Every structure is written in C-alpha cells, then in structure tokens.
Amino acid sequence: MAIGRRMVALVHSGGQYYAIEDVCTHDGAELTGGAIEGAEIICPRHGARFCLRTGEALTPPAYEPVRVFATKIEGGHLWVRAD
C-alpha cells in the first residue's frame, strides 16, 4: 500500500498489526516478502533485520532505521496513521 509517496508493508505477527516503510535502508530493496520472526522483518535481499515496532535497524548491513506508522483496528477496518 502507499501513503503519499511512500510504499508501506503491512504485517500481522503475534496478534499485532504493523505498518513499516517498505524499503531497506541498506540498499533500497523492498522489505515485502521478507521473513517475519516475532516483531522483526528480515530483508529478503541481504538479511538485515528491522524492528517492526520501532523501525530500528537491528543487524548489518543496515544501520539506519525505517519509518513505522501507527495502526489500529476500528469498525472492522485496519487504519494506518500517516503523520
């Protein structure tokens, strides 16, 4: 999905919904399709791990965080906050 000009990956893991910018800060690859382990997403290209809660880069080769967006379920819809 897109928020403005940013592509966003939606992830459901451990009963939680997460929205994270869909770009690895290491080389610009999409995070979509990467393995999910708990509250982490693994870049399918080079294996960098990012925290789905905070966007923090957890392992090399990525060192910069990705943007995360707040989510909530209301009225049977998943809402993503874009500010």
N, C-alpha and C. Protein backbone atom coordinates (compact mmCIF):
# COMPACT_ATOMS: atom_id res chain seq x y z
N MET A 1 0.84 -1.18 0.00
CA MET A 1 0.00 0.00 0.00
C MET A 1 0.88 1.23 0.00
N ALA A 2 0.30 2.35 -0.39
CA ALA A 2 1.07 3.59 -0.43
C ALA A 2 0.45 4.62 0.51
N ILE A 3 1.31 5.36 1.18
CA ILE A 3 0.91 6.51 1.98
C ILE A 3 1.67 7.68 1.39
N GLY A 4 0.95 8.54 0.70
CA GLY A 4 1.63 9.61 -0.04
C GLY A 4 2.51 8.97 -1.09
N ARG A 5 3.80 9.29 -1.04
CA ARG A 5 4.75 8.71 -1.99
C ARG A 5 5.52 7.52 -1.42
N ARG A 6 5.21 7.15 -0.20
CA ARG A 6 5.92 6.05 0.45
C ARG A 6 5.15 4.74 0.30
N MET A 7 5.89 3.69 -0.02
CA MET A 7 5.30 2.36 -0.03
C MET A 7 5.42 1.80 1.39
N VAL A 8 4.35 1.17 1.84
CA VAL A 8 4.27 0.68 3.21
C VAL A 8 3.92 -0.81 3.19
N ALA A 9 4.66 -1.58 3.98
CA ALA A 9 4.37 -3.00 4.15
C ALA A 9 3.49 -3.17 5.38
N LEU A 10 2.42 -3.91 5.25
CA LEU A 10 1.55 -4.25 6.38
C LEU A 10 1.88 -5.66 6.82
N VAL A 11 2.07 -5.83 8.13
CA VAL A 11 2.48 -7.12 8.68
C VAL A 11 1.58 -7.46 9.85
N HIS A 12 1.13 -8.72 9.90
CA HIS A 12 0.39 -9.24 11.05
C HIS A 12 1.25 -10.32 11.68
N SER A 13 1.66 -10.12 12.92
CA SER A 13 2.50 -11.07 13.62
C SER A 13 2.20 -11.02 15.10
N GLY A 14 2.05 -12.18 15.71
CA GLY A 14 1.82 -12.26 17.14
C GLY A 14 0.56 -11.53 17.59
N GLY A 15 -0.46 -11.50 16.72
CA GLY A 15 -1.71 -10.84 17.07
C GLY A 15 -1.68 -9.33 16.90
N GLN A 16 -0.58 -8.78 16.43
CA GLN A 16 -0.43 -7.34 16.23
C GLN A 16 -0.32 -7.01 14.74
N TYR A 17 -0.78 -5.82 14.41
CA TYR A 17 -0.60 -5.30 13.05
C TYR A 17 0.47 -4.22 13.08
N TYR A 18 1.33 -4.26 12.09
CA TYR A 18 2.41 -3.29 11.98
C TYR A 18 2.40 -2.70 10.57
N ALA A 19 2.78 -1.45 10.47
CA ALA A 19 2.96 -0.80 9.17
C ALA A 19 4.34 -0.18 9.18
N ILE A 20 5.15 -0.55 8.20
CA ILE A 20 6.55 -0.13 8.16
C ILE A 20 6.88 0.27 6.73
N GLU A 21 7.70 1.30 6.59
CA GLU A 21 8.10 1.72 5.25
C GLU A 21 8.76 0.54 4.54
N ASP A 22 8.33 0.32 3.30
CA ASP A 22 8.74 -0.87 2.56
C ASP A 22 10.03 -0.64 1.79
N VAL A 23 11.09 -0.30 2.53
CA VAL A 23 12.39 -0.09 1.89
C VAL A 23 13.50 -0.39 2.89
N CYS A 24 14.44 -1.20 2.47
CA CYS A 24 15.61 -1.47 3.30
C CYS A 24 16.53 -0.27 3.21
N THR A 25 16.96 0.24 4.34
CA THR A 25 17.83 1.42 4.34
C THR A 25 19.25 1.09 3.91
N HIS A 26 19.56 -0.17 3.75
CA HIS A 26 20.88 -0.57 3.26
C HIS A 26 21.02 -0.31 1.77
N ASP A 27 20.04 -0.74 0.97
CA ASP A 27 20.20 -0.59 -0.48
C ASP A 27 18.90 -0.26 -1.22
N GLY A 28 17.84 0.03 -0.49
CA GLY A 28 16.59 0.42 -1.14
C GLY A 28 15.71 -0.72 -1.60
N ALA A 29 16.07 -1.95 -1.29
CA ALA A 29 15.26 -3.10 -1.66
C ALA A 29 13.94 -3.10 -0.89
N GLU A 30 12.93 -3.74 -1.45
CA GLU A 30 11.65 -3.88 -0.75
C GLU A 30 11.81 -4.87 0.40
N LEU A 31 11.13 -4.57 1.51
CA LEU A 31 11.09 -5.50 2.63
C LEU A 31 9.97 -6.51 2.47
N THR A 32 8.97 -6.16 1.66
CA THR A 32 7.87 -7.08 1.38
C THR A 32 8.43 -8.40 0.89
N GLY A 33 7.92 -9.47 1.44
CA GLY A 33 8.40 -10.80 1.08
C GLY A 33 9.47 -11.31 2.01
N GLY A 34 9.96 -10.44 2.88
CA GLY A 34 10.96 -10.88 3.86
C GLY A 34 10.32 -11.71 4.95
N ALA A 35 11.10 -12.58 5.54
CA ALA A 35 10.60 -13.42 6.64
C ALA A 35 10.26 -12.54 7.84
N ILE A 36 9.26 -12.97 8.58
CA ILE A 36 8.84 -12.31 9.82
C ILE A 36 9.17 -13.25 10.96
N GLU A 37 9.87 -12.74 11.95
CA GLU A 37 10.18 -13.50 13.16
C GLU A 37 9.81 -12.64 14.35
N GLY A 38 8.68 -12.96 14.98
CA GLY A 38 8.20 -12.16 16.10
C GLY A 38 7.91 -10.76 15.64
N ALA A 39 8.58 -9.77 16.21
CA ALA A 39 8.38 -8.37 15.84
C ALA A 39 9.53 -7.85 14.98
N GLU A 40 10.11 -8.75 14.15
CA GLU A 40 11.19 -8.37 13.26
C GLU A 40 10.86 -8.78 11.83
N ILE A 41 11.31 -7.97 10.88
CA ILE A 41 11.23 -8.33 9.47
C ILE A 41 12.66 -8.42 8.95
N ILE A 42 12.90 -9.41 8.11
CA ILE A 42 14.24 -9.65 7.58
C ILE A 42 14.23 -9.30 6.09
N CYS A 43 15.12 -8.43 5.70
CA CYS A 43 15.22 -8.04 4.30
C CYS A 43 15.54 -9.28 3.47
N PRO A 44 14.73 -9.56 2.44
CA PRO A 44 14.97 -10.76 1.64
C PRO A 44 16.23 -10.68 0.78
N ARG A 45 16.78 -9.50 0.62
CA ARG A 45 17.94 -9.35 -0.27
C ARG A 45 19.27 -9.62 0.43
N HIS A 46 19.51 -8.98 1.59
CA HIS A 46 20.80 -9.15 2.26
C HIS A 46 20.69 -9.55 3.73
N GLY A 47 19.47 -9.76 4.22
CA GLY A 47 19.31 -10.30 5.57
C GLY A 47 19.31 -9.30 6.72
N ALA A 48 19.31 -7.99 6.42
CA ALA A 48 19.23 -7.02 7.51
C ALA A 48 17.89 -7.19 8.24
N ARG A 49 17.92 -7.02 9.53
CA ARG A 49 16.71 -7.15 10.35
C ARG A 49 16.28 -5.79 10.86
N PHE A 50 14.95 -5.58 10.87
CA PHE A 50 14.37 -4.34 11.38
C PHE A 50 13.29 -4.66 12.39
N CYS A 51 13.19 -3.84 13.43
CA CYS A 51 12.15 -3.98 14.44
C CYS A 51 10.84 -3.43 13.86
N LEU A 52 9.80 -4.22 13.87
CA LEU A 52 8.50 -3.77 13.36
C LEU A 52 7.87 -2.72 14.26
N ARG A 53 8.21 -2.71 15.53
CA ARG A 53 7.64 -1.74 16.48
C ARG A 53 8.26 -0.35 16.34
N THR A 54 9.59 -0.31 16.19
CA THR A 54 10.31 0.97 16.22
C THR A 54 10.96 1.36 14.90
N GLY A 55 11.14 0.39 14.01
CA GLY A 55 11.84 0.63 12.75
C GLY A 55 13.35 0.54 12.87
N GLU A 56 13.85 0.32 14.07
CA GLU A 56 15.28 0.26 14.31
C GLU A 56 15.94 -0.82 13.45
N ALA A 57 17.10 -0.49 12.86
CA ALA A 57 17.91 -1.48 12.16
C ALA A 57 18.62 -2.31 13.22
N LEU A 58 18.42 -3.61 13.21
CA LEU A 58 18.93 -4.47 14.27
C LEU A 58 20.23 -5.17 13.90
N THR A 59 20.47 -5.38 12.60
CA THR A 59 21.68 -6.07 12.17
C THR A 59 22.23 -5.45 10.90
N PRO A 60 23.55 -5.55 10.70
CA PRO A 60 24.13 -5.13 9.44
C PRO A 60 23.59 -6.02 8.31
N PRO A 61 23.60 -5.56 7.11
CA PRO A 61 24.29 -4.39 6.63
C PRO A 61 23.51 -3.08 6.76
N ALA A 62 22.33 -3.10 7.36
CA ALA A 62 21.57 -1.86 7.55
C ALA A 62 21.93 -1.23 8.89
N TYR A 63 22.04 0.09 8.90
CA TYR A 63 22.36 0.82 10.13
C TYR A 63 21.35 1.91 10.43
N GLU A 64 20.62 2.34 9.42
CA GLU A 64 19.62 3.40 9.58
C GLU A 64 18.24 2.79 9.77
N PRO A 65 17.38 3.38 10.60
CA PRO A 65 16.03 2.85 10.82
C PRO A 65 15.13 3.11 9.62
N VAL A 66 14.03 2.37 9.57
CA VAL A 66 12.96 2.64 8.61
C VAL A 66 11.81 3.29 9.37
N ARG A 67 10.98 3.99 8.66
CA ARG A 67 9.84 4.67 9.28
C ARG A 67 8.74 3.66 9.60
N VAL A 68 8.13 3.81 10.76
CA VAL A 68 6.98 3.00 11.14
C VAL A 68 5.76 3.90 11.27
N PHE A 69 4.59 3.32 11.11
CA PHE A 69 3.33 4.04 11.18
C PHE A 69 2.43 3.37 12.20
N ALA A 70 1.72 4.15 12.98
CA ALA A 70 0.80 3.62 13.98
C ALA A 70 -0.38 2.95 13.26
N THR A 71 -0.87 1.86 13.83
CA THR A 71 -2.03 1.15 13.28
C THR A 71 -3.08 0.98 14.38
N LYS A 72 -4.33 0.84 13.94
CA LYS A 72 -5.39 0.47 14.87
C LYS A 72 -6.52 -0.19 14.09
N ILE A 73 -7.25 -1.03 14.80
CA ILE A 73 -8.43 -1.67 14.23
C ILE A 73 -9.64 -0.95 14.79
N GLU A 74 -10.51 -0.49 13.90
CA GLU A 74 -11.72 0.21 14.33
C GLU A 74 -12.82 -0.09 13.32
N GLY A 75 -13.95 -0.55 13.82
CA GLY A 75 -15.07 -0.84 12.94
C GLY A 75 -14.76 -1.90 11.90
N GLY A 76 -13.90 -2.85 12.25
CA GLY A 76 -13.54 -3.91 11.31
C GLY A 76 -12.56 -3.49 10.24
N HIS A 77 -12.00 -2.30 10.35
CA HIS A 77 -11.03 -1.79 9.38
C HIS A 77 -9.68 -1.58 10.05
N LEU A 78 -8.62 -1.80 9.28
CA LEU A 78 -7.27 -1.51 9.74
C LEU A 78 -6.93 -0.10 9.28
N TRP A 79 -6.60 0.76 10.22
CA TRP A 79 -6.24 2.14 9.93
C TRP A 79 -4.75 2.32 10.15
N VAL A 80 -4.12 3.08 9.26
CA VAL A 80 -2.71 3.39 9.37
C VAL A 80 -2.58 4.89 9.45
N ARG A 81 -1.91 5.36 10.48
CA ARG A 81 -1.73 6.79 10.68
C ARG A 81 -0.53 7.29 9.90
N ALA A 82 -0.74 8.31 9.10
CA ALA A 82 0.29 8.73 8.14
C ALA A 82 1.14 9.89 8.60
N ASP A 83 0.90 10.49 9.74
CA ASP A 83 1.70 11.65 10.10
C ASP A 83 3.05 11.22 10.56
